[in-house]
Protein backbone atom coordinates (compact mmCIF):
# COMPACT_ATOMS: atom_id res chain seq x y z
CA MET A 1 136.58 25.12 82.72
CA ALA A 2 140.14 26.41 82.26
CA PRO A 3 142.29 24.93 79.65
CA LYS A 4 144.70 22.16 80.70
CA THR A 5 147.87 23.99 80.24
CA ALA A 6 151.30 22.23 80.97
CA ARG A 7 151.56 24.36 84.08
CA ALA A 8 148.01 22.92 85.31
CA ARG A 9 148.96 19.59 84.63
CA ARG A 10 152.59 19.60 85.96
CA LEU A 11 151.24 21.23 89.40
CA GLY A 12 148.28 18.58 89.72
CA ILE A 13 151.29 15.76 89.29
CA ALA A 14 153.09 17.98 92.14
CA LEU A 15 149.97 17.70 94.49
CA ARG A 16 149.68 13.99 93.88
CA HIS A 17 153.08 13.31 94.54
CA HIS A 18 153.23 15.25 97.75
CA ARG A 19 149.95 13.39 99.30
CA GLU A 20 151.16 9.93 97.98
CA ALA A 21 154.28 10.70 99.79
CA ALA A 22 152.52 11.69 102.90
CA GLY A 23 150.54 8.71 103.00
CA LEU A 24 147.12 10.20 102.74
CA THR A 25 143.81 9.24 100.87
CA LEU A 26 141.98 11.58 98.61
CA GLU A 27 139.56 11.61 101.28
CA THR A 28 141.99 12.15 104.35
CA ALA A 29 143.85 14.82 102.38
CA ALA A 30 140.75 16.93 101.55
CA ASP A 31 139.45 16.61 104.92
CA GLU A 32 142.50 18.66 106.01
CA ILE A 33 141.49 21.78 103.87
CA ASN A 34 137.56 21.15 104.81
CA SER A 35 136.93 20.13 100.85
CA THR A 36 136.07 16.79 99.30
CA ARG A 37 137.53 14.04 97.42
CA SER A 38 136.16 14.62 94.27
CA THR A 39 137.06 18.68 94.48
CA LEU A 40 141.05 17.16 95.34
CA SER A 41 140.76 14.67 92.35
CA ARG A 42 139.59 17.60 90.11
CA TYR A 43 143.04 19.85 91.05
CA GLU A 44 144.93 16.82 90.70
CA ASN A 45 143.81 16.33 87.17
CA ALA A 46 144.04 19.77 86.12
CA GLN A 47 140.23 19.92 85.64
CA THR A 48 139.84 22.67 87.89
CA LEU A 49 142.31 25.33 88.73
CA ILE A 50 143.50 25.63 92.69
CA SER A 51 144.21 28.91 94.37
CA PRO A 52 147.35 29.63 95.64
CA ALA A 53 146.00 29.38 98.86
CA THR A 54 144.72 26.17 99.05
CA VAL A 55 148.07 24.81 97.49
CA ARG A 56 149.82 26.26 100.45
CA ALA A 57 147.08 24.74 102.79
CA LEU A 58 147.57 21.42 101.38
CA LEU A 59 151.34 20.91 101.06
CA THR A 60 151.71 22.73 104.59
CA SER A 61 149.36 19.83 105.73
CA TYR A 62 151.26 17.32 103.60
CA GLY A 63 154.69 18.64 105.93
CA VAL A 64 156.41 19.63 102.80
CA ASN A 65 159.84 22.20 103.11
CA ALA A 66 158.73 25.53 102.38
CA GLU A 67 161.08 25.92 99.35
CA GLU A 68 158.96 23.19 97.60
CA VAL A 69 155.85 24.84 98.63
CA ALA A 70 157.06 28.27 97.55
CA ALA A 71 157.50 26.82 93.77
CA ALA A 72 154.09 25.05 93.93
CA VAL A 73 152.55 28.49 94.94
CA GLN A 74 154.31 30.34 92.12
CA LEU A 75 153.37 27.55 89.62
CA ALA A 76 149.54 28.18 90.77
CA LYS A 77 149.79 31.69 89.95
CA ASP A 78 151.30 30.95 86.62
CA ALA A 79 148.64 28.37 85.98
CA ARG A 80 145.93 31.10 86.43
CA LYS A 81 147.47 33.66 83.94
CA PRO A 82 145.24 33.89 80.83
CA GLY A 83 146.75 32.98 77.72
CA TRP A 84 146.11 34.89 74.27
CA TRP A 85 143.56 32.42 72.92
CA VAL A 86 141.47 33.36 76.01
CA SER A 87 139.76 36.16 74.01
CA TYR A 88 138.88 33.68 71.37
CA SER A 89 137.12 31.10 73.73
CA TYR A 90 133.59 31.95 72.32
CA LEU A 91 135.04 30.82 68.83
CA LEU A 92 136.19 27.20 69.64
CA ASP A 93 135.32 24.18 71.27
CA PRO A 94 137.10 23.23 74.57
CA ARG A 95 138.91 20.50 73.41
CA THR A 96 140.67 22.80 70.72
CA ILE A 97 141.19 25.42 73.39
CA ASP A 98 142.85 23.06 75.68
CA PHE A 99 145.18 21.96 72.76
CA ILE A 100 145.96 25.38 71.57
CA ALA A 101 146.98 26.12 75.67
CA LEU A 102 149.25 22.99 75.52
CA GLU A 103 151.06 23.68 71.88
CA ALA A 104 151.99 27.30 73.35
CA GLU A 105 153.84 25.98 75.97
CA ALA A 106 155.34 22.75 73.92
CA THR A 107 159.15 22.90 72.98
CA ALA A 108 158.70 20.26 70.40
CA ILE A 109 155.90 19.40 67.93
CA ALA A 110 155.38 16.59 65.72
CA ASN A 111 152.63 16.80 63.20
CA PHE A 112 151.70 14.46 60.49
CA GLU A 113 148.85 15.73 58.14
CA PRO A 114 147.28 12.89 55.55
CA SER A 115 144.93 15.78 53.43
CA VAL A 116 145.99 19.08 54.39
CA VAL A 117 149.04 21.49 54.95
CA PRO A 118 150.14 21.33 58.75
CA GLY A 119 148.00 24.29 60.31
CA LEU A 120 151.36 26.01 61.64
CA LEU A 121 152.92 26.39 58.18
CA GLN A 122 149.70 27.48 56.32
CA THR A 123 149.40 30.69 54.40
CA ALA A 124 146.33 32.83 55.32
CA ASP A 125 144.66 32.45 51.90
CA TYR A 126 145.08 28.63 52.29
CA ILE A 127 143.74 28.75 55.72
CA ARG A 128 140.30 30.68 54.32
CA GLY A 129 140.44 27.83 51.73
CA VAL A 130 140.19 25.21 54.18
CA MET A 131 137.88 26.90 56.39
CA ARG A 132 135.33 27.63 53.79
CA GLY A 133 135.53 23.92 52.53
CA GLY A 134 134.80 22.66 56.17
CA PRO A 135 131.92 20.96 57.23
CA HIS A 136 130.03 24.38 58.62
CA THR A 137 129.32 27.08 56.82
CA LEU A 138 130.92 30.12 57.80
CA GLY A 139 130.35 33.90 57.72
CA ASP A 140 133.28 35.72 56.49
CA ASP A 141 133.93 37.44 59.76
CA LEU A 142 134.21 34.26 61.50
CA VAL A 143 136.51 33.00 58.83
CA GLU A 144 138.73 35.88 59.29
CA GLN A 145 138.47 35.12 63.32
CA ARG A 146 139.62 31.70 63.05
CA VAL A 147 142.51 32.76 59.95
CA LYS A 148 143.83 35.13 62.91
CA ILE A 149 143.71 32.49 65.61
CA ARG A 150 145.49 30.46 63.35
CA LEU A 151 148.32 32.77 62.39
CA ASP A 152 148.60 33.95 65.96
CA ARG A 153 149.32 30.31 66.39
CA GLN A 154 152.18 30.36 63.94
CA GLN A 155 154.24 33.30 65.66
CA ARG A 156 155.88 31.31 68.34
CA LEU A 157 157.90 29.54 65.43
CA THR A 158 159.83 32.68 64.55
CA ALA A 159 159.97 34.03 68.01
CA GLU A 160 162.97 33.93 70.46
CA GLN A 161 163.68 30.36 71.81
CA PRO A 162 161.19 28.78 69.01
CA PRO A 163 159.78 25.49 69.53
CA ILE A 164 161.22 22.83 67.46
CA LEU A 165 158.60 21.81 64.63
CA ASP A 166 158.92 18.12 62.45
CA ALA A 167 156.14 18.64 60.02
CA ILE A 168 155.24 15.21 58.02
CA ILE A 169 152.81 15.80 55.12
CA ASP A 170 151.60 13.11 52.89
CA GLU A 171 152.05 13.97 49.13
CA GLY A 172 148.13 13.97 48.61
CA ALA A 173 148.01 17.00 50.55
CA LEU A 174 150.15 18.86 48.19
CA LEU A 175 148.48 17.79 45.18
CA ARG A 176 144.92 18.30 46.49
CA PRO A 177 144.21 22.12 45.44
CA VAL A 178 142.60 24.32 48.23
CA GLY A 179 141.30 27.77 46.90
CA GLU A 180 142.45 28.96 43.31
CA PRO A 181 146.15 28.11 41.75
CA SER A 182 147.59 31.00 43.17
CA VAL A 183 146.53 29.76 46.94
CA MET A 184 148.56 26.71 46.01
CA ASN A 185 151.24 28.38 44.85
CA GLY A 186 151.73 30.52 47.60
CA GLN A 187 151.37 27.80 50.30
CA LEU A 188 154.24 25.56 48.37
CA ARG A 189 156.32 28.40 48.17
CA HIS A 190 155.65 29.00 52.06
CA LEU A 191 156.29 25.76 52.70
CA VAL A 192 159.95 25.63 51.15
CA LYS A 193 160.45 28.76 53.09
CA MET A 194 159.49 27.72 56.53
CA ALA A 195 161.70 24.46 55.84
CA GLU A 196 164.82 26.42 56.02
CA LEU A 197 164.37 27.55 59.34
CA PRO A 198 166.75 25.81 61.65
CA ASN A 199 163.88 24.65 63.73
CA ILE A 200 161.50 23.34 61.44
CA SER A 201 162.00 20.15 59.25
CA VAL A 202 159.44 19.26 56.64
CA GLN A 203 159.20 15.66 55.29
CA VAL A 204 156.75 14.34 52.70
CA ILE A 205 155.38 10.49 52.58
CA PRO A 206 155.28 10.16 49.22
CA LEU A 207 152.09 7.94 47.29
CA SER A 208 154.64 5.54 46.19
CA ALA A 209 155.16 4.46 49.57
CA GLY A 210 151.38 3.16 49.36
CA TYR A 211 149.35 2.57 52.67
CA HIS A 212 151.02 3.43 56.02
CA ARG A 213 150.02 3.94 59.45
CA GLY A 214 149.17 7.66 58.94
CA THR A 215 146.31 7.18 56.51
CA ARG A 216 143.46 7.25 58.86
CA GLY A 217 143.92 10.85 60.43
CA SER A 218 146.01 13.65 61.16
CA LEU A 219 148.30 13.27 64.49
CA HIS A 220 150.25 15.76 66.82
CA ILE A 221 152.53 15.20 69.51
CA LEU A 222 153.48 17.81 71.90
CA GLU A 223 156.60 17.54 74.05
CA PHE A 224 157.45 20.12 76.95
CA ALA A 225 160.59 21.32 78.74
CA ASP A 226 160.14 19.94 81.95
CA PRO A 227 160.79 16.13 82.61
CA GLU A 228 157.93 16.13 84.43
CA ASP A 229 155.45 17.04 81.91
CA PRO A 230 154.01 13.89 79.89
CA ILE A 231 154.19 14.12 76.43
CA ILE A 232 150.54 14.70 74.77
CA ALA A 233 148.74 13.24 71.70
CA SER A 234 145.98 14.67 69.72
CA VAL A 235 144.62 12.76 66.90
CA GLU A 236 141.50 13.69 64.66
CA THR A 237 138.51 11.69 64.14
CA VAL A 238 135.22 12.22 62.59
CA ALA A 239 133.82 13.11 66.01
CA GLY A 240 136.61 15.96 66.44
CA GLN A 241 139.90 16.28 68.15
CA MET A 242 140.91 14.00 70.78
CA ILE A 243 143.63 14.94 73.52
CA LEU A 244 145.64 11.96 74.88
CA ASP A 245 148.14 11.97 77.45
CA ARG A 246 147.73 8.46 79.12
CA ALA A 247 151.33 6.38 78.81
CA GLY A 248 149.96 3.92 76.72
CA GLU A 249 148.22 5.88 74.33
CA THR A 250 151.04 8.68 73.74
CA ARG A 251 153.63 5.68 73.52
CA THR A 252 151.31 4.14 70.42
CA CYS A 253 151.35 7.78 69.00
CA THR A 254 155.22 8.07 69.56
CA LYS A 255 155.90 4.78 67.45
CA ILE A 256 153.17 5.59 64.89
CA MET A 257 154.85 8.89 64.32
CA GLU A 258 158.39 7.63 64.23
CA HIS A 259 157.27 5.16 61.57
CA LEU A 260 155.83 8.37 59.48
CA ARG A 261 159.48 9.49 59.50
CA SER A 262 160.51 6.30 58.47
CA VAL A 263 158.82 6.29 55.41
CA ALA A 264 158.69 9.88 54.56
CA LEU A 265 161.77 11.34 52.30
CA SER A 266 164.44 12.70 53.85
CA PRO A 267 164.10 17.12 54.44
CA ALA A 268 166.31 17.35 51.50
CA ASP A 269 164.36 15.12 49.05
CA SER A 270 161.20 16.39 50.45
CA ARG A 271 162.45 20.01 49.37
CA GLU A 272 163.32 18.79 45.70
CA MET A 273 159.61 17.20 45.91
CA LEU A 274 157.77 20.39 46.78
CA LEU A 275 159.99 21.99 43.97
CA SER A 276 159.15 19.54 41.63
CA VAL A 277 155.08 20.10 42.53
CA LEU A 278 156.03 23.60 42.01
CA LYS A 279 157.38 23.52 38.95
CA GLY A 280 154.68 21.10 37.44
CA ARG A 281 151.74 23.57 38.32
């Protein structure tokens, strides 16, 4: 199954809107292209990639104008282009691949982490420490491959037209040692440096804030340039990563992130805390 990229989701939404505007059911529309209800449903939910030719046939049968048909066909072509992460598919579970594909297209990323430094702001040595301390024993080669994947994900932060990253970290993550002391020192210095970039803000929730709505686990919220693309949320559970895209779920996650921002220190005060932690090590 191909990753649910933002382009694929956008195309699925367009297909559904055009079908509904034409007053057709899934069954009737599927009959128009000699397909099945379940197949068309998978196209509309971006669970299966649809070919440009099928897009053209569907929208033509819906009576869509030529300009909109051409735009949708181009979107179908773009959705089929493989991302850099495809070569690593054998290393990662499908949900992680889906998230990486979405993250690569996001224009705004908000990430709260209660126990570790956010992945997009981790140093290579810190990543190695996290990987070696995970639930699965990984050989050196697998560790290095995963380190490279995460470093590749980070490249967008300093590329042209980078996404906005709002990173919120619980103070406990700064105090919890990962690897040798030099690893943590390097990681803290890296956080201070990255927070100086105009597209990145780092906020720390002090332990003095007590219990807050983020203590149960990490949270990501992804936003996209196209207003037709719904917000995506991702949460970590004991069973792994869950990607949420239903309006009610993402609304709840957005409110939680707003709460976390409100109990966190300001970016300026967070910088002072980072420097203080560094000085005390």
